[in-house]
Amino acid sequence: MRIFVLFNLKEGVEPAAYEAWARKADIPTVRALPSINGFDAFRSTGLLGSDGTPPYAYVEVIDVGDDDRFGADISTPEMQRIAAEFQQFADDPKFMVVQDITAAP
């Protein structure tokens, strides 16, 4: 399973504060979960071919290697703390579960 998380920061949250927290707490904690194959976070920098502003400032990509274990992993007190901290930064994040259509069925 792969999850794309799309979000903007809450009003008043400094990007530098979120990014420092993500590097120090969020990214290493999620990457250490047994069910996770990969986790990367990105800052949007523009829209290709346009001067417009991207609809989301940040995108996270979570590669889950073990769907059954994932549920248990995100239920731990440590991940509940990380999730609560994330909610202090992110304004209405969208967690989209996606499927790779380039792979053979």
PDB file of N, CA and C in Angstrom:
ATOM      1  N   MET A   1       0.858  -1.173   0.000  1.00  0.00           N
ATOM      2  CA  MET A   1       0.000   0.000   0.000  1.00  0.00           C
ATOM      3  C   MET A   1       0.902   1.234   0.000  1.00  0.00           C
ATOM      4  N   ARG A   2       0.473   2.245  -0.711  1.00  0.00           N
ATOM      5  CA  ARG A   2       1.171   3.530  -0.702  1.00  0.00           C
ATOM      6  C   ARG A   2       0.144   4.605  -0.335  1.00  0.00           C
ATOM      7  N   ILE A   3       0.585   5.529   0.493  1.00  0.00           N
ATOM      8  CA  ILE A   3      -0.283   6.619   0.948  1.00  0.00           C
ATOM      9  C   ILE A   3       0.383   7.939   0.587  1.00  0.00           C
ATOM     10  N   PHE A   4      -0.376   8.820  -0.061  1.00  0.00           N
ATOM     11  CA  PHE A   4       0.068  10.190  -0.304  1.00  0.00           C
ATOM     12  C   PHE A   4      -0.677  11.066   0.693  1.00  0.00           C
ATOM     13  N   VAL A   5       0.053  11.900   1.412  1.00  0.00           N
ATOM     14  CA  VAL A   5      -0.562  12.831   2.356  1.00  0.00           C
ATOM     15  C   VAL A   5      -0.352  14.233   1.793  1.00  0.00           C
ATOM     16  N   LEU A   6      -1.445  14.928   1.518  1.00  0.00           N
ATOM     17  CA  LEU A   6      -1.412  16.270   0.951  1.00  0.00           C
ATOM     18  C   LEU A   6      -1.907  17.241   2.011  1.00  0.00           C
ATOM     19  N   PHE A   7      -1.146  18.322   2.235  1.00  0.00           N
ATOM     20  CA  PHE A   7      -1.587  19.260   3.267  1.00  0.00           C
ATOM     21  C   PHE A   7      -0.903  20.615   3.148  1.00  0.00           C
ATOM     22  N   ASN A   8      -1.550  21.572   3.762  1.00  0.00           N
ATOM     23  CA  ASN A   8      -1.003  22.900   3.991  1.00  0.00           C
ATOM     24  C   ASN A   8      -0.805  23.044   5.489  1.00  0.00           C
ATOM     25  N   LEU A   9      -0.022  24.018   5.861  1.00  0.00           N
ATOM     26  CA  LEU A   9       0.177  24.283   7.280  1.00  0.00           C
ATOM     27  C   LEU A   9      -0.957  25.152   7.812  1.00  0.00           C
ATOM     28  N   LYS A  10      -1.244  24.988   9.081  1.00  0.00           N
ATOM     29  CA  LYS A  10      -2.239  25.838   9.721  1.00  0.00           C
ATOM     30  C   LYS A  10      -1.746  27.278   9.726  1.00  0.00           C
ATOM     31  N   GLU A  11      -2.689  28.183   9.733  1.00  0.00           N
ATOM     32  CA  GLU A  11      -2.338  29.602   9.774  1.00  0.00           C
ATOM     33  C   GLU A  11      -1.496  29.875  11.021  1.00  0.00           C
ATOM     34  N   GLY A  12      -0.418  30.604  10.816  1.00  0.00           N
ATOM     35  CA  GLY A  12       0.466  30.961  11.913  1.00  0.00           C
ATOM     36  C   GLY A  12       1.613  29.987  12.137  1.00  0.00           C
ATOM     37  N   VAL A  13       1.568  28.820  11.488  1.00  0.00           N
ATOM     38  CA  VAL A  13       2.663  27.853  11.619  1.00  0.00           C
ATOM     39  C   VAL A  13       3.768  28.223  10.646  1.00  0.00           C
ATOM     40  N   GLU A  14       4.963  28.361  11.161  1.00  0.00           N
ATOM     41  CA  GLU A  14       6.117  28.693  10.323  1.00  0.00           C
ATOM     42  C   GLU A  14       6.614  27.430   9.617  1.00  0.00           C
ATOM     43  N   PRO A  15       6.827  27.493   8.299  1.00  0.00           N
ATOM     44  CA  PRO A  15       7.354  26.332   7.585  1.00  0.00           C
ATOM     45  C   PRO A  15       8.640  25.775   8.210  1.00  0.00           C
ATOM     46  N   ALA A  16       9.523  26.639   8.656  1.00  0.00           N
ATOM     47  CA  ALA A  16      10.781  26.177   9.253  1.00  0.00           C
ATOM     48  C   ALA A  16      10.520  25.340  10.504  1.00  0.00           C
ATOM     49  N   ALA A  17       9.508  25.705  11.278  1.00  0.00           N
ATOM     50  CA  ALA A  17       9.182  24.943  12.492  1.00  0.00           C
ATOM     51  C   ALA A  17       8.657  23.559  12.123  1.00  0.00           C
ATOM     52  N   TYR A  18       7.740  23.506  11.151  1.00  0.00           N
ATOM     53  CA  TYR A  18       7.222  22.208  10.718  1.00  0.00           C
ATOM     54  C   TYR A  18       8.347  21.345  10.155  1.00  0.00           C
ATOM     55  N   GLU A  19       9.156  21.906   9.281  1.00  0.00           N
ATOM     56  CA  GLU A  19      10.203  21.122   8.627  1.00  0.00           C
ATOM     57  C   GLU A  19      11.249  20.628   9.615  1.00  0.00           C
ATOM     58  N   ALA A  20      11.569  21.414  10.612  1.00  0.00           N
ATOM     59  CA  ALA A  20      12.509  20.972  11.646  1.00  0.00           C
ATOM     60  C   ALA A  20      11.907  19.811  12.432  1.00  0.00           C
ATOM     61  N   TRP A  21      10.643  19.936  12.796  1.00  0.00           N
ATOM     62  CA  TRP A  21       9.974  18.844  13.511  1.00  0.00           C
ATOM     63  C   TRP A  21       9.914  17.590  12.643  1.00  0.00           C
ATOM     64  N   ALA A  22       9.575  17.746  11.362  1.00  0.00           N
ATOM     65  CA  ALA A  22       9.475  16.596  10.461  1.00  0.00           C
ATOM     66  C   ALA A  22      10.808  15.854  10.383  1.00  0.00           C
ATOM     67  N   ARG A  23      11.906  16.606  10.253  1.00  0.00           N
ATOM     68  CA  ARG A  23      13.229  15.979  10.146  1.00  0.00           C
ATOM     69  C   ARG A  23      13.649  15.307  11.456  1.00  0.00           C
ATOM     70  N   LYS A  24      13.298  15.927  12.576  1.00  0.00           N
ATOM     71  CA  LYS A  24      13.743  15.435  13.882  1.00  0.00           C
ATOM     72  C   LYS A  24      12.851  14.317  14.422  1.00  0.00           C
ATOM     73  N   ALA A  25      11.546  14.423  14.231  1.00  0.00           N
ATOM     74  CA  ALA A  25      10.613  13.499  14.887  1.00  0.00           C
ATOM     75  C   ALA A  25       9.812  12.633  13.911  1.00  0.00           C
ATOM     76  N   ASP A  26       9.100  13.261  13.013  1.00  0.00           N
ATOM     77  CA  ASP A  26       8.156  12.541  12.151  1.00  0.00           C
ATOM     78  C   ASP A  26       8.847  11.541  11.231  1.00  0.00           C
ATOM     79  N   ILE A  27       9.765  12.004  10.434  1.00  0.00           N
ATOM     80  CA  ILE A  27      10.392  11.146   9.429  1.00  0.00           C
ATOM     81  C   ILE A  27      11.144   9.976  10.067  1.00  0.00           C
ATOM     82  N   PRO A  28      12.024  10.211  11.042  1.00  0.00           N
ATOM     83  CA  PRO A  28      12.732   9.054  11.607  1.00  0.00           C
ATOM     84  C   PRO A  28      11.812   8.075  12.349  1.00  0.00           C
ATOM     85  N   THR A  29      10.772   8.583  12.989  1.00  0.00           N
ATOM     86  CA  THR A  29       9.857   7.706  13.719  1.00  0.00           C
ATOM     87  C   THR A  29       9.079   6.821  12.763  1.00  0.00           C
ATOM     88  N   VAL A  30       8.529   7.417  11.715  1.00  0.00           N
ATOM     89  CA  VAL A  30       7.750   6.630  10.749  1.00  0.00           C
ATOM     90  C   VAL A  30       8.652   5.647  10.006  1.00  0.00           C
ATOM     91  N   ARG A  31       9.822   6.089   9.600  1.00  0.00           N
ATOM     92  CA  ARG A  31      10.743   5.187   8.886  1.00  0.00           C
ATOM     93  C   ARG A  31      11.156   3.995   9.739  1.00  0.00           C
ATOM     94  N   ALA A  32      11.148   4.145  11.052  1.00  0.00           N
ATOM     95  CA  ALA A  32      11.560   3.058  11.947  1.00  0.00           C
ATOM     96  C   ALA A  32      10.465   2.026  12.192  1.00  0.00           C
ATOM     97  N   LEU A  33       9.244   2.290  11.764  1.00  0.00           N
ATOM     98  CA  LEU A  33       8.157   1.339  11.982  1.00  0.00           C
ATOM     99  C   LEU A  33       8.405   0.074  11.169  1.00  0.00           C
ATOM    100  N   PRO A  34       8.211  -1.102  11.761  1.00  0.00           N
ATOM    101  CA  PRO A  34       8.454  -2.355  11.042  1.00  0.00           C
ATOM    102  C   PRO A  34       7.634  -2.506   9.766  1.00  0.00           C
ATOM    103  N   SER A  35       6.451  -1.915   9.712  1.00  0.00           N
ATOM    104  CA  SER A  35       5.572  -2.073   8.552  1.00  0.00           C
ATOM    105  C   SER A  35       5.922  -1.143   7.387  1.00  0.00           C
ATOM    106  N   ILE A  36       6.841  -0.220   7.585  1.00  0.00           N
ATOM    107  CA  ILE A  36       7.125   0.812   6.588  1.00  0.00           C
ATOM    108  C   ILE A  36       8.342   0.459   5.749  1.00  0.00           C
ATOM    109  N   ASN A  37       8.172   0.530   4.424  1.00  0.00           N
ATOM    110  CA  ASN A  37       9.287   0.338   3.490  1.00  0.00           C
ATOM    111  C   ASN A  37       9.951   1.661   3.126  1.00  0.00           C
ATOM    112  N   GLY A  38       9.220   2.761   3.256  1.00  0.00           N
ATOM    113  CA  GLY A  38       9.788   4.058   2.932  1.00  0.00           C
ATOM    114  C   GLY A  38       8.865   5.187   3.328  1.00  0.00           C
ATOM    115  N   PHE A  39       9.456   6.334   3.597  1.00  0.00           N
ATOM    116  CA  PHE A  39       8.681   7.525   3.956  1.00  0.00           C
ATOM    117  C   PHE A  39       9.495   8.746   3.571  1.00  0.00           C
ATOM    118  N   ASP A  40       8.915   9.578   2.715  1.00  0.00           N
ATOM    119  CA  ASP A  40       9.577  10.801   2.268  1.00  0.00           C
ATOM    120  C   ASP A  40       8.592  11.961   2.350  1.00  0.00           C
ATOM    121  N   ALA A  41       9.118  13.139   2.631  1.00  0.00           N
ATOM    122  CA  ALA A  41       8.305  14.348   2.720  1.00  0.00           C
ATOM    123  C   ALA A  41       8.862  15.384   1.748  1.00  0.00           C
ATOM    124  N   PHE A  42       7.958  16.095   1.085  1.00  0.00           N
ATOM    125  CA  PHE A  42       8.339  17.054   0.060  1.00  0.00           C
ATOM    126  C   PHE A  42       7.633  18.389   0.276  1.00  0.00           C
ATOM    127  N   ARG A  43       8.330  19.468  -0.044  1.00  0.00           N
ATOM    128  CA  ARG A  43       7.739  20.808  -0.063  1.00  0.00           C
ATOM    129  C   ARG A  43       7.415  21.137  -1.515  1.00  0.00           C
ATOM    130  N   SER A  44       6.206  21.596  -1.781  1.00  0.00           N
ATOM    131  CA  SER A  44       5.829  22.014  -3.133  1.00  0.00           C
ATOM    132  C   SER A  44       6.550  23.321  -3.463  1.00  0.00           C
ATOM    133  N   THR A  45       7.075  23.386  -4.678  1.00  0.00           N
ATOM    134  CA  THR A  45       7.813  24.591  -5.079  1.00  0.00           C
ATOM    135  C   THR A  45       7.183  25.312  -6.256  1.00  0.00           C
ATOM    136  N   GLY A  46       6.165  24.746  -6.854  1.00  0.00           N
ATOM    137  CA  GLY A  46       5.522  25.414  -7.973  1.00  0.00           C
ATOM    138  C   GLY A  46       4.659  24.457  -8.764  1.00  0.00           C
ATOM    139  N   LEU A  47       4.013  25.010  -9.790  1.00  0.00           N
ATOM    140  CA  LEU A  47       3.213  24.232 -10.717  1.00  0.00           C
ATOM    141  C   LEU A  47       3.907  24.275 -12.073  1.00  0.00           C
ATOM    142  N   LEU A  48       4.153  23.146 -12.653  1.00  0.00           N
ATOM    143  CA  LEU A  48       4.846  23.070 -13.931  1.00  0.00           C
ATOM    144  C   LEU A  48       4.078  23.856 -14.997  1.00  0.00           C
ATOM    145  N   GLY A  49       4.779  24.765 -15.631  1.00  0.00           N
ATOM    146  CA  GLY A  49       4.184  25.542 -16.709  1.00  0.00           C
ATOM    147  C   GLY A  49       3.240  26.631 -16.261  1.00  0.00           C
ATOM    148  N   SER A  50       3.295  27.001 -14.985  1.00  0.00           N
ATOM    149  CA  SER A  50       2.363  28.000 -14.457  1.00  0.00           C
ATOM    150  C   SER A  50       3.037  28.823 -13.372  1.00  0.00           C
ATOM    151  N   ASP A  51       2.571  30.041 -13.208  1.00  0.00           N
ATOM    152  CA  ASP A  51       3.027  30.872 -12.106  1.00  0.00           C
ATOM    153  C   ASP A  51       2.107  30.725 -10.894  1.00  0.00           C
ATOM    154  N   GLY A  52       1.108  29.855 -10.986  1.00  0.00           N
ATOM    155  CA  GLY A  52       0.153  29.671  -9.901  1.00  0.00           C
ATOM    156  C   GLY A  52       0.771  29.001  -8.685  1.00  0.00           C
ATOM    157  N   THR A  53       0.045  29.087  -7.618  1.00  0.00           N
ATOM    158  CA  THR A  53       0.463  28.478  -6.356  1.00  0.00           C
ATOM    159  C   THR A  53      -0.071  27.046  -6.280  1.00  0.00           C
ATOM    160  N   PRO A  54       0.760  26.083  -5.896  1.00  0.00           N
ATOM    161  CA  PRO A  54       0.266  24.710  -5.753  1.00  0.00           C
ATOM    162  C   PRO A  54      -0.859  24.644  -4.715  1.00  0.00           C
ATOM    163  N   PRO A  55      -1.828  23.749  -4.917  1.00  0.00           N
ATOM    164  CA  PRO A  55      -2.940  23.661  -3.966  1.00  0.00           C
ATOM    165  C   PRO A  55      -2.513  23.139  -2.595  1.00  0.00           C
ATOM    166  N   TYR A  56      -1.405  22.406  -2.550  1.00  0.00           N
ATOM    167  CA  TYR A  56      -0.891  21.889  -1.285  1.00  0.00           C
ATOM    168  C   TYR A  56       0.580  22.260  -1.155  1.00  0.00           C
ATOM    169  N   ALA A  57       0.972  22.683   0.029  1.00  0.00           N
ATOM    170  CA  ALA A  57       2.354  23.089   0.283  1.00  0.00           C
ATOM    171  C   ALA A  57       3.266  21.896   0.532  1.00  0.00           C
ATOM    172  N   TYR A  58       2.702  20.787   1.007  1.00  0.00           N
ATOM    173  CA  TYR A  58       3.517  19.621   1.357  1.00  0.00           C
ATOM    174  C   TYR A  58       2.860  18.338   0.870  1.00  0.00           C
ATOM    175  N   VAL A  59       3.722  17.376   0.547  1.00  0.00           N
ATOM    176  CA  VAL A  59       3.290  16.036   0.148  1.00  0.00           C
ATOM    177  C   VAL A  59       4.191  15.039   0.869  1.00  0.00           C
ATOM    178  N   GLU A  60       3.571  14.076   1.518  1.00  0.00           N
ATOM    179  CA  GLU A  60       4.321  12.965   2.110  1.00  0.00           C
ATOM    180  C   GLU A  60       3.952  11.702   1.346  1.00  0.00           C
ATOM    181  N   VAL A  61       4.925  10.823   1.172  1.00  0.00           N
ATOM    182  CA  VAL A  61       4.702   9.548   0.509  1.00  0.00           C
ATOM    183  C   VAL A  61       5.121   8.451   1.487  1.00  0.00           C
ATOM    184  N   ILE A  62       4.161   7.628   1.862  1.00  0.00           N
ATOM    185  CA  ILE A  62       4.394   6.552   2.820  1.00  0.00           C
ATOM    186  C   ILE A  62       4.226   5.222   2.084  1.00  0.00           C
ATOM    187  N   ASP A  63       5.288   4.427   2.054  1.00  0.00           N
ATOM    188  CA  ASP A  63       5.236   3.096   1.446  1.00  0.00           C
ATOM    189  C   ASP A  63       5.093   2.067   2.555  1.00  0.00           C
ATOM    190  N   VAL A  64       3.925   1.446   2.593  1.00  0.00           N
ATOM    191  CA  VAL A  64       3.620   0.452   3.616  1.00  0.00           C
ATOM    192  C   VAL A  64       3.929  -0.929   3.047  1.00  0.00           C
ATOM    193  N   GLY A  65       4.792  -1.657   3.705  1.00  0.00           N
ATOM    194  CA  GLY A  65       5.165  -2.985   3.245  1.00  0.00           C
ATOM    195  C   GLY A  65       4.311  -4.093   3.823  1.00  0.00           C
ATOM    196  N   ASP A  66       3.709  -3.844   4.978  1.00  0.00           N
ATOM    197  CA  ASP A  66       2.895  -4.858   5.647  1.00  0.00           C
ATOM    198  C   ASP A  66       1.620  -4.177   6.150  1.00  0.00           C
ATOM    199  N   ASP A  67       0.555  -4.318   5.368  1.00  0.00           N
ATOM    200  CA  ASP A  67      -0.711  -3.649   5.691  1.00  0.00           C
ATOM    201  C   ASP A  67      -1.256  -4.051   7.052  1.00  0.00           C
ATOM    202  N   ASP A  68      -1.168  -5.341   7.375  1.00  0.00           N
ATOM    203  CA  ASP A  68      -1.702  -5.820   8.656  1.00  0.00           C
ATOM    204  C   ASP A  68      -0.914  -5.235   9.825  1.00  0.00           C
ATOM    205  N   ARG A  69       0.372  -5.202   9.707  1.00  0.00           N
ATOM    206  CA  ARG A  69       1.237  -4.675  10.777  1.00  0.00           C
ATOM    207  C   ARG A  69       1.086  -3.156  10.911  1.00  0.00           C
ATOM    208  N   PHE A  70       0.783  -2.486   9.802  1.00  0.00           N
ATOM    209  CA  PHE A  70       0.669  -1.028   9.796  1.00  0.00           C
ATOM    210  C   PHE A  70      -0.351  -0.546  10.824  1.00  0.00           C
ATOM    211  N   GLY A  71      -1.495  -1.187  10.868  1.00  0.00           N
ATOM    212  CA  GLY A  71      -2.527  -0.807  11.830  1.00  0.00           C
ATOM    213  C   GLY A  71      -2.027  -0.863  13.261  1.00  0.00           C
ATOM    214  N   ALA A  72      -1.289  -1.920  13.582  1.00  0.00           N
ATOM    215  CA  ALA A  72      -0.729  -2.053  14.929  1.00  0.00           C
ATOM    216  C   ALA A  72       0.354  -1.002  15.165  1.00  0.00           C
ATOM    217  N   ASP A  73       1.183  -0.760  14.155  1.00  0.00           N
ATOM    218  CA  ASP A  73       2.273   0.214  14.304  1.00  0.00           C
ATOM    219  C   ASP A  73       1.769   1.624  14.586  1.00  0.00           C
ATOM    220  N   ILE A  74       0.719   2.033  13.888  1.00  0.00           N
ATOM    221  CA  ILE A  74       0.241   3.405  14.078  1.00  0.00           C
ATOM    222  C   ILE A  74      -0.610   3.560  15.337  1.00  0.00           C
ATOM    223  N   SER A  75      -0.903   2.453  15.992  1.00  0.00           N
ATOM    224  CA  SER A  75      -1.675   2.491  17.239  1.00  0.00           C
ATOM    225  C   SER A  75      -0.806   2.616  18.480  1.00  0.00           C
ATOM    226  N   THR A  76       0.502   2.563  18.323  1.00  0.00           N
ATOM    227  CA  THR A  76       1.385   2.639  19.489  1.00  0.00           C
ATOM    228  C   THR A  76       1.335   4.028  20.115  1.00  0.00           C
ATOM    229  N   PRO A  77       1.629   4.131  21.403  1.00  0.00           N
ATOM    230  CA  PRO A  77       1.654   5.457  22.039  1.00  0.00           C
ATOM    231  C   PRO A  77       2.614   6.433  21.346  1.00  0.00           C
ATOM    232  N   GLU A  78       3.770   5.940  20.901  1.00  0.00           N
ATOM    233  CA  GLU A  78       4.723   6.824  20.223  1.00  0.00           C
ATOM    234  C   GLU A  78       4.132   7.396  18.937  1.00  0.00           C
ATOM    235  N   MET A  79       3.471   6.552  18.135  1.00  0.00           N
ATOM    236  CA  MET A  79       2.879   7.054  16.892  1.00  0.00           C
ATOM    237  C   MET A  79       1.656   7.917  17.166  1.00  0.00           C
ATOM    238  N   GLN A  80       0.937   7.643  18.222  1.00  0.00           N
ATOM    239  CA  GLN A  80      -0.194   8.507  18.576  1.00  0.00           C
ATOM    240  C   GLN A  80       0.313   9.899  18.955  1.00  0.00           C
ATOM    241  N   ARG A  81       1.455   9.952  19.635  1.00  0.00           N
ATOM    242  CA  ARG A  81       2.062  11.241  19.974  1.00  0.00           C
ATOM    243  C   ARG A  81       2.496  11.972  18.708  1.00  0.00           C
ATOM    244  N   ILE A  82       3.153  11.266  17.786  1.00  0.00           N
ATOM    245  CA  ILE A  82       3.600  11.878  16.530  1.00  0.00           C
ATOM    246  C   ILE A  82       2.395  12.372  15.732  1.00  0.00           C
ATOM    247  N   ALA A  83       1.347  11.574  15.673  1.00  0.00           N
ATOM    248  CA  ALA A  83       0.139  11.971  14.940  1.00  0.00           C
ATOM    249  C   ALA A  83      -0.488  13.222  15.548  1.00  0.00           C
ATOM    250  N   ALA A  84      -0.522  13.298  16.863  1.00  0.00           N
ATOM    251  CA  ALA A  84      -1.081  14.480  17.534  1.00  0.00           C
ATOM    252  C   ALA A  84      -0.227  15.713  17.250  1.00  0.00           C
ATOM    253  N   GLU A  85       1.084  15.543  17.266  1.00  0.00           N
ATOM    254  CA  GLU A  85       1.972  16.663  16.944  1.00  0.00           C
ATOM    255  C   GLU A  85       1.772  17.104  15.495  1.00  0.00           C
ATOM    256  N   PHE A  86       1.655  16.141  14.583  1.00  0.00           N
ATOM    257  CA  PHE A  86       1.417  16.455  13.175  1.00  0.00           C
ATOM    258  C   PHE A  86       0.152  17.296  13.016  1.00  0.00           C
ATOM    259  N   GLN A  87      -0.887  16.936  13.751  1.00  0.00           N
ATOM    260  CA  GLN A  87      -2.155  17.671  13.667  1.00  0.00           C
ATOM    261  C   GLN A  87      -2.022  19.126  14.126  1.00  0.00           C
ATOM    262  N   GLN A  88      -1.013  19.413  14.945  1.00  0.00           N
ATOM    263  CA  GLN A  88      -0.770  20.796  15.369  1.00  0.00           C
ATOM    264  C   GLN A  88      -0.209  21.637  14.217  1.00  0.00           C
ATOM    265  N   PHE A  89       0.428  20.997  13.249  1.00  0.00           N
ATOM    266  CA  PHE A  89       1.023  21.680  12.105  1.00  0.00           C
ATOM    267  C   PHE A  89       0.109  21.700  10.881  1.00  0.00           C
ATOM    268  N   ALA A  90      -0.512  20.560  10.570  1.00  0.00           N
ATOM    269  CA  ALA A  90      -1.218  20.368   9.301  1.00  0.00           C
ATOM    270  C   ALA A  90      -2.669  20.802   9.381  1.00  0.00           C
ATOM    271  N   ASP A  91      -3.099  21.497   8.349  1.00  0.00           N
ATOM    272  CA  ASP A  91      -4.471  21.971   8.239  1.00  0.00           C
ATOM    273  C   ASP A  91      -5.257  21.029   7.334  1.00  0.00           C
ATOM    274  N   ASP A  92      -6.093  20.192   7.919  1.00  0.00           N
ATOM    275  CA  ASP A  92      -6.970  19.281   7.177  1.00  0.00           C
ATOM    276  C   ASP A  92      -6.206  18.424   6.166  1.00  0.00           C
ATOM    277  N   PRO A  93      -5.240  17.616   6.639  1.00  0.00           N
ATOM    278  CA  PRO A  93      -4.476  16.778   5.709  1.00  0.00           C
ATOM    279  C   PRO A  93      -5.363  15.728   5.040  1.00  0.00           C
ATOM    280  N   LYS A  94      -5.026  15.419   3.797  1.00  0.00           N
ATOM    281  CA  LYS A  94      -5.732  14.396   3.021  1.00  0.00           C
ATOM    282  C   LYS A  94      -4.813  13.183   2.884  1.00  0.00           C
ATOM    283  N   PHE A  95      -5.252  12.036   3.386  1.00  0.00           N
ATOM    284  CA  PHE A  95      -4.490  10.800   3.311  1.00  0.00           C
ATOM    285  C   PHE A  95      -5.086   9.958   2.188  1.00  0.00           C
ATOM    286  N   MET A  96      -4.420   9.940   1.051  1.00  0.00           N
ATOM    287  CA  MET A  96      -4.915   9.230  -0.113  1.00  0.00           C
ATOM    288  C   MET A  96      -4.194   7.899  -0.278  1.00  0.00           C
ATOM    289  N   VAL A  97      -4.940   6.811  -0.236  1.00  0.00           N
ATOM    290  CA  VAL A  97      -4.379   5.490  -0.502  1.00  0.00           C
ATOM    291  C   VAL A  97      -4.398   5.321  -2.018  1.00  0.00           C
ATOM    292  N   VAL A  98      -3.227   5.010  -2.581  1.00  0.00           N
ATOM    293  CA  VAL A  98      -3.109   4.917  -4.038  1.00  0.00           C
ATOM    294  C   VAL A  98      -2.631   3.532  -4.453  1.00  0.00           C
ATOM    295  N   GLN A  99      -2.902   3.206  -5.699  1.00  0.00           N
ATOM    296  CA  GLN A  99      -2.485   1.926  -6.267  1.00  0.00           C
ATOM    297  C   GLN A  99      -1.686   2.208  -7.532  1.00  0.00           C
ATOM    298  N   ASP A 100      -0.569   1.533  -7.690  1.00  0.00           N
ATOM    299  CA  ASP A 100       0.291   1.671  -8.855  1.00  0.00           C
ATOM    300  C   ASP A 100      -0.361   0.989 -10.047  1.00  0.00           C
ATOM    301  N   ILE A 101      -0.717   1.757 -11.074  1.00  0.00           N
ATOM    302  CA  ILE A 101      -1.346   1.175 -12.255  1.00  0.00           C
ATOM    303  C   ILE A 101      -0.327   0.808 -13.330  1.00  0.00           C
ATOM    304  N   THR A 102       0.954   1.087 -13.066  1.00  0.00           N
ATOM    305  CA  THR A 102       1.966   0.730 -14.054  1.00  0.00           C
ATOM    306  C   THR A 102       2.411  -0.718 -13.904  1.00  0.00           C
ATOM    307  N   ALA A 103       2.146  -1.308 -12.759  1.00  0.00           N
ATOM    308  CA  ALA A 103       2.525  -2.706 -12.519  1.00  0.00           C
ATOM    309  C   ALA A 103       1.494  -3.629 -13.167  1.00  0.00           C
ATOM    310  N   ALA A 104       1.934  -4.806 -13.483  1.00  0.00           N
ATOM    311  CA  ALA A 104       1.009  -5.801 -14.054  1.00  0.00           C
ATOM    312  C   ALA A 104      -0.039  -6.160 -13.023  1.00  0.00           C
ATOM    313  N   PRO A 105      -1.273  -6.407 -13.472  1.00  0.00           N
ATOM    314  CA  PRO A 105      -2.359  -6.760 -12.516  1.00  0.00           C
ATOM    315  C   PRO A 105      -2.118  -8.054 -11.789  1.00  0.00           C
TER     316      PRO A 105
END
